[in-house]
Amino acid sequence: MSNILEKTDFKNLGAKYTGKVRDVYSQDDKVILISTDRYSAFDRNLALIPSKGQVLTGVSRFWFEHTKDIVQNHVIDFPDPNVVVGKKCKVIPIEMVVRGYITGITGTSLWTLYKKGERNFGDFILPDGMHKNQKLDQVVLTPTTKSEDHDRPLSSKDIIYNGYMTKDLWEKVADISLRLFKRGQEIALKHGLILVDTKYEFGLTPDGEVMLVDEIHTPDSSRYWQAKTYEDRIKKGLEPENFDKEFLRLWFKENCDPYKDEVLPAAPADLVQELSERYIQIYEQITGLPFKVETGDIGKRIEGNLKEYMI
């Protein structure tokens, strides 16, 4: 299918790094981030989801625009629906995870740790008697390392003691993260969504200024719930109505061993289509804009749109 972007291989865009979802080309003073349609979990690519890369780029574009008064971001240009050209900077090796609710199912999630009896999280202490998906009394930061295969939770003391950031830089980045999240929650709520949690990545400019990099408030980096049904569903003991992309991950878990099997079965076409539609729906709800599905050969289109950045 020509209207799906699996990968890129441009010879004259700079040194290439392949991430889980993005192909990143590095030049002297800039990086070119191309969002593909790869869907990954279990540390491998599971499927290609039509329009996913375009949604991630479009949602980031919306949020970068709506937060640039809080912190400068790396955006130089959006030359194509799948591409952002960003300023090169020294990336801080910490993911700033911000949470407004106690939820999650992974090993590092607040709810998993809380259920096991943990109450002291280094920078904050949670009371007994909390329930899954409950709103926290105040928004919390649970930063993790970025450089290792598996994220490791850190407290602010760990970050300063281990030299990831100075005390001053930590305080600045923490303050910016909380302000970005507050803005995100306010705008999301106007569009009928609860921004539950998210993660931010930051870099330093050559003169030491903090800059927001990578992506912001996308459905891949953030959890969203529908606001209008939240209270009612919680009262009934139900899970919040969420933007759910887990169903495809669960299908793989039920139909193979995604960690061990060398070859995985192909994702069912109906589930791929369903997930593509959900990405498009969340784009339209967040931005308030109609989504224009790009057709034709995406790779060729990107190449044409990136001519001025070829070296």
Protein backbone atom coordinates (compact mmCIF):
# COMPACT_ATOMS: atom_id res chain seq x y z
CA MET A 1 0.00 0.00 0.00
CA SER A 2 1.53 3.28 -1.08
CA ASN A 3 -0.43 5.45 1.36
CA ILE A 4 1.24 3.87 4.39
CA LEU A 5 4.65 5.00 5.58
CA GLU A 6 6.62 2.08 6.98
CA LYS A 7 10.09 3.60 6.84
CA THR A 8 12.22 6.12 5.01
CA ASP A 9 15.66 5.87 3.52
CA PHE A 10 16.81 9.28 2.33
CA LYS A 11 20.50 9.29 1.44
CA ASN A 12 21.08 13.05 1.59
CA LEU A 13 19.26 14.21 4.71
CA GLY A 14 22.04 13.48 7.21
CA ALA A 15 22.88 10.62 9.59
CA LYS A 16 19.80 8.46 10.21
CA TYR A 17 18.60 7.09 13.53
CA THR A 18 15.57 4.76 13.57
CA GLY A 19 13.35 5.07 16.63
CA LYS A 20 10.25 3.02 17.42
CA VAL A 21 7.97 5.34 15.45
CA ARG A 22 10.18 8.08 14.01
CA ASP A 23 13.02 8.12 11.51
CA VAL A 24 15.35 10.91 12.63
CA TYR A 25 17.91 12.54 10.34
CA SER A 26 20.60 14.59 12.02
CA GLN A 27 22.36 17.60 10.48
CA ASP A 28 24.85 20.08 11.98
CA ASP A 29 22.26 22.43 13.44
CA LYS A 30 18.93 20.66 12.94
CA VAL A 31 17.11 17.35 13.15
CA ILE A 32 14.42 16.13 10.76
CA LEU A 33 11.84 13.94 12.51
CA ILE A 34 9.65 11.87 10.20
CA SER A 35 6.71 10.13 11.92
CA THR A 36 5.98 6.78 10.27
CA ASP A 37 2.87 4.61 10.65
CA ARG A 38 4.70 2.01 12.76
CA TYR A 39 2.85 0.72 15.83
CA SER A 40 5.19 -0.79 18.36
CA ALA A 41 4.88 -2.65 21.65
CA PHE A 42 6.88 -5.41 23.35
CA ASP A 43 10.01 -3.68 21.98
CA ARG A 44 9.12 -4.54 18.37
CA ASN A 45 6.95 -3.29 15.51
CA LEU A 46 3.57 -5.01 15.45
CA ALA A 47 1.71 -3.33 12.62
CA LEU A 48 1.38 -0.34 10.32
CA ILE A 49 -1.55 1.94 11.10
CA PRO A 50 -2.71 4.20 8.23
CA SER A 51 -2.49 7.95 9.05
CA LYS A 52 -0.83 7.39 12.47
CA GLY A 53 2.32 9.35 11.62
CA GLN A 54 0.29 12.21 10.21
CA VAL A 55 -1.88 12.29 13.37
CA LEU A 56 1.15 12.40 15.69
CA THR A 57 2.73 15.25 13.73
CA GLY A 58 -0.55 17.20 13.47
CA VAL A 59 -1.38 16.85 17.18
CA SER A 60 2.15 17.90 18.19
CA ARG A 61 1.89 20.88 15.87
CA PHE A 62 -1.34 21.98 17.56
CA TRP A 63 0.16 21.71 21.05
CA PHE A 64 3.52 23.29 20.19
CA GLU A 65 1.57 26.28 18.89
CA HIS A 66 -0.60 26.47 22.04
CA THR A 67 2.30 26.26 24.53
CA LYS A 68 5.08 28.32 22.97
CA ASP A 69 4.40 31.18 25.40
CA ILE A 70 5.31 28.81 28.29
CA VAL A 71 8.55 27.43 26.88
CA GLN A 72 10.36 27.67 23.55
CA ASN A 73 10.20 24.50 21.46
CA HIS A 74 12.47 22.97 18.84
CA VAL A 75 10.18 23.60 15.86
CA ILE A 76 11.74 25.26 12.81
CA ASP A 77 9.24 24.10 10.21
CA PHE A 78 6.48 21.61 9.34
CA PRO A 79 7.33 21.08 5.65
CA ASP A 80 5.10 17.99 5.33
CA PRO A 81 2.14 16.42 7.23
CA ASN A 82 4.49 13.72 8.62
CA VAL A 83 7.56 15.87 9.27
CA VAL A 84 8.87 18.36 11.78
CA VAL A 85 12.24 20.05 11.34
CA GLY A 86 13.65 20.92 14.74
CA LYS A 87 16.61 22.77 16.21
CA LYS A 88 19.41 20.51 17.34
CA CYS A 89 20.16 20.68 21.06
CA LYS A 90 21.65 18.75 23.94
CA VAL A 91 18.83 16.47 25.10
CA ILE A 92 18.36 16.09 28.87
CA PRO A 93 18.33 12.29 29.51
CA ILE A 94 15.21 12.37 31.70
CA GLU A 95 11.58 11.91 30.71
CA MET A 96 9.35 14.24 32.69
CA VAL A 97 6.26 12.15 33.42
CA VAL A 98 3.37 14.24 34.77
CA ARG A 99 0.28 12.63 36.31
CA GLY A 100 -3.08 14.07 37.31
CA TYR A 101 -4.75 10.75 38.21
CA ILE A 102 -3.75 7.46 39.85
CA THR A 103 -4.02 4.84 37.14
CA GLY A 104 -2.07 2.50 34.86
CA ILE A 105 -1.27 -1.20 34.53
CA THR A 106 2.47 -1.29 33.81
CA GLY A 107 5.08 -2.11 36.44
CA THR A 108 6.08 1.55 36.90
CA SER A 109 2.53 2.98 36.97
CA LEU A 110 1.34 4.76 40.12
CA TRP A 111 -1.65 2.46 40.57
CA THR A 112 0.44 -0.74 40.26
CA LEU A 113 2.93 0.50 42.88
CA TYR A 114 0.15 1.85 45.13
CA LYS A 115 -1.71 -1.48 45.00
CA LYS A 116 1.49 -3.21 46.16
CA GLY A 117 1.48 -0.97 49.23
CA GLU A 118 3.81 1.82 48.17
CA ARG A 119 2.83 5.24 49.55
CA ASN A 120 6.07 7.24 49.57
CA PHE A 121 7.14 8.14 46.03
CA GLY A 122 10.14 10.26 46.99
CA ASP A 123 8.73 13.68 46.18
CA PHE A 124 5.17 13.02 47.37
CA ILE A 125 3.25 10.68 49.66
CA LEU A 126 -0.18 9.32 48.76
CA PRO A 127 -2.82 8.62 51.43
CA ASP A 128 -4.43 5.24 52.09
CA GLY A 129 -7.83 4.44 50.64
CA MET A 130 -7.37 5.70 47.09
CA HIS A 131 -9.15 4.04 44.15
CA LYS A 132 -7.95 3.34 40.63
CA ASN A 133 -8.55 6.24 38.19
CA GLN A 134 -9.12 8.71 41.03
CA LYS A 135 -8.02 12.31 40.55
CA LEU A 136 -4.93 13.18 42.62
CA ASP A 137 -5.21 16.08 45.08
CA GLN A 138 -2.39 17.69 43.16
CA VAL A 139 -0.54 16.95 39.95
CA VAL A 140 2.67 14.97 40.53
CA LEU A 141 5.95 14.45 38.69
CA THR A 142 7.36 10.93 38.37
CA PRO A 143 10.46 11.39 36.19
CA THR A 144 12.23 8.39 34.66
CA THR A 145 15.57 7.76 32.99
CA LYS A 146 15.50 7.97 29.23
CA SER A 147 18.69 6.22 28.22
CA GLU A 148 18.01 2.69 29.47
CA ASP A 149 15.87 -0.03 27.87
CA HIS A 150 13.43 -0.02 30.75
CA ASP A 151 12.43 3.28 32.34
CA ARG A 152 13.60 3.66 35.93
CA PRO A 153 11.62 5.96 38.23
CA LEU A 154 13.69 8.66 39.96
CA SER A 155 13.06 11.23 42.65
CA SER A 156 14.30 14.82 42.32
CA LYS A 157 17.06 13.94 44.83
CA ASP A 158 18.23 11.04 42.59
CA ILE A 159 18.27 13.34 39.55
CA ILE A 160 20.36 16.02 41.29
CA TYR A 161 22.61 13.57 43.19
CA ASN A 162 23.40 11.52 40.06
CA GLY A 163 24.15 14.62 38.02
CA TYR A 164 21.34 14.33 35.46
CA MET A 165 20.48 17.98 36.21
CA THR A 166 21.60 20.71 38.58
CA LYS A 167 19.15 21.78 41.29
CA ASP A 168 18.39 25.02 39.41
CA LEU A 169 17.77 23.22 36.13
CA TRP A 170 15.57 20.60 37.83
CA GLU A 171 13.42 23.31 39.43
CA LYS A 172 13.08 25.11 36.09
CA VAL A 173 12.17 21.95 34.14
CA ALA A 174 9.74 20.79 36.86
CA ASP A 175 7.99 24.16 36.84
CA ILE A 176 7.72 24.20 33.03
CA SER A 177 6.38 20.61 33.01
CA LEU A 178 3.63 21.47 35.50
CA ARG A 179 2.66 24.59 33.56
CA LEU A 180 2.55 22.69 30.25
CA PHE A 181 0.35 20.03 31.84
CA LYS A 182 -2.01 22.62 33.33
CA ARG A 183 -2.38 24.28 29.91
CA GLY A 184 -2.90 20.86 28.33
CA GLN A 185 -5.62 19.94 30.81
CA GLU A 186 -7.43 23.27 30.35
CA ILE A 187 -7.48 23.09 26.54
CA ALA A 188 -8.30 19.35 26.48
CA LEU A 189 -11.28 19.92 28.79
CA LYS A 190 -12.68 22.56 26.42
CA HIS A 191 -12.62 19.81 23.79
CA GLY A 192 -14.35 17.29 26.06
CA LEU A 193 -11.21 15.42 27.13
CA ILE A 194 -9.33 14.81 30.37
CA LEU A 195 -5.55 14.86 29.93
CA VAL A 196 -4.71 12.16 32.48
CA ASP A 197 -0.93 11.92 32.23
CA THR A 198 1.83 12.63 29.76
CA LYS A 199 5.58 12.82 29.31
CA TYR A 200 7.81 15.64 28.12
CA GLU A 201 11.35 15.70 26.83
CA PHE A 202 13.59 18.73 27.05
CA GLY A 203 16.90 19.88 25.66
CA LEU A 204 19.31 22.73 26.23
CA THR A 205 20.13 25.30 23.56
CA PRO A 206 23.82 26.23 23.02
CA ASP A 207 23.31 29.14 25.47
CA GLY A 208 21.81 26.86 28.13
CA GLU A 209 18.12 27.73 27.70
CA VAL A 210 15.50 25.01 28.23
CA MET A 211 13.67 23.88 25.10
CA LEU A 212 10.77 21.45 24.62
CA VAL A 213 11.67 18.73 22.08
CA ASP A 214 10.28 15.56 20.50
CA GLU A 215 6.46 15.56 20.75
CA ILE A 216 3.78 16.99 23.03
CA HIS A 217 0.38 15.69 24.23
CA THR A 218 0.08 13.14 21.40
CA PRO A 219 -2.03 9.99 21.84
CA ASP A 220 1.28 8.04 21.95
CA SER A 221 2.82 10.11 24.77
CA SER A 222 -0.35 10.89 26.74
CA ARG A 223 -3.44 9.27 28.18
CA TYR A 224 -6.82 10.87 27.45
CA TRP A 225 -10.27 10.10 28.86
CA GLN A 226 -13.65 11.39 27.69
CA ALA A 227 -14.70 14.04 30.24
CA LYS A 228 -18.48 13.84 29.97
CA THR A 229 -18.76 10.19 31.07
CA TYR A 230 -15.91 10.11 33.62
CA GLU A 231 -17.84 10.77 36.88
CA ASP A 232 -20.70 8.45 35.99
CA ARG A 233 -18.44 5.56 34.99
CA ILE A 234 -16.28 5.91 38.12
CA LYS A 235 -19.43 5.83 40.31
CA LYS A 236 -20.48 2.61 38.58
CA GLY A 237 -17.04 1.08 39.12
CA LEU A 238 -16.26 1.12 35.40
CA GLU A 239 -13.06 2.12 33.64
CA PRO A 240 -13.14 5.66 32.18
CA GLU A 241 -14.01 5.94 28.49
CA ASN A 242 -10.57 6.27 26.99
CA PHE A 243 -8.74 6.61 23.72
CA ASP A 244 -7.72 2.99 23.70
CA LYS A 245 -4.97 1.60 21.52
CA GLU A 246 -4.37 -1.36 23.84
CA PHE A 247 -6.82 -3.67 22.07
CA LEU A 248 -4.32 -4.42 19.28
CA ARG A 249 -1.55 -5.06 21.81
CA LEU A 250 -3.86 -7.47 23.69
CA TRP A 251 -4.72 -9.31 20.45
CA PHE A 252 -1.02 -10.07 19.94
CA LYS A 253 -0.66 -11.20 23.54
CA GLU A 254 -3.57 -13.63 23.10
CA ASN A 255 -2.47 -14.96 19.70
CA CYS A 256 1.29 -15.39 20.09
CA ASP A 257 4.21 -14.76 22.41
CA PRO A 258 5.32 -11.31 21.19
CA TYR A 259 8.46 -11.41 23.34
CA LYS A 260 9.71 -14.82 22.11
CA ASP A 261 8.16 -15.73 18.76
CA GLU A 262 10.52 -14.92 15.92
CA VAL A 263 7.71 -14.33 13.42
CA LEU A 264 4.45 -12.73 14.53
CA PRO A 265 1.06 -13.18 12.87
CA ALA A 266 -0.22 -10.29 10.77
CA ALA A 267 -2.50 -7.89 12.64
CA PRO A 268 -6.15 -8.40 11.57
CA ALA A 269 -7.18 -5.84 8.94
CA ASP A 270 -10.35 -4.83 10.84
CA LEU A 271 -8.38 -4.05 14.01
CA VAL A 272 -5.83 -2.03 12.03
CA GLN A 273 -8.66 -0.05 10.43
CA GLU A 274 -10.35 0.48 13.82
CA LEU A 275 -7.12 1.80 15.34
CA SER A 276 -6.52 4.12 12.38
CA GLU A 277 -10.03 5.55 12.85
CA ARG A 278 -9.40 6.08 16.58
CA TYR A 279 -6.19 8.02 15.89
CA ILE A 280 -8.06 10.23 13.42
CA GLN A 281 -10.95 10.73 15.89
CA ILE A 282 -8.61 11.85 18.69
CA TYR A 283 -6.84 14.25 16.29
CA GLU A 284 -10.18 15.86 15.39
CA GLN A 285 -11.33 16.07 19.00
CA ILE A 286 -8.07 17.59 20.29
CA THR A 287 -7.53 20.08 17.48
CA GLY A 288 -11.15 20.80 16.53
CA LEU A 289 -10.03 20.48 12.88
CA PRO A 290 -11.22 18.01 10.23
CA PHE A 291 -8.56 15.43 9.40
CA LYS A 292 -7.45 15.32 5.78
CA VAL A 293 -6.32 11.82 4.85
CA GLU A 294 -3.24 12.12 2.65
CA THR A 295 -3.30 9.68 -0.25
CA GLY A 296 -0.72 8.66 -2.83
CA ASP A 297 2.92 7.76 -2.25
CA ILE A 298 3.81 9.34 1.09
CA GLY A 299 7.54 8.69 0.71
CA LYS A 300 7.68 10.51 -2.63
CA ARG A 301 5.64 13.40 -1.25
CA ILE A 302 7.96 13.76 1.76
CA GLU A 303 11.02 13.67 -0.49
CA GLY A 304 9.56 16.50 -2.59
CA ASN A 305 8.68 18.55 0.49
CA LEU A 306 12.16 18.12 1.99
CA LYS A 307 14.15 19.24 -1.07
CA GLU A 308 15.39 22.43 0.63
CA TYR A 309 16.74 20.37 3.56
CA MET A 310 18.78 17.96 1.44
CA ILE A 311 22.54 18.24 1.98
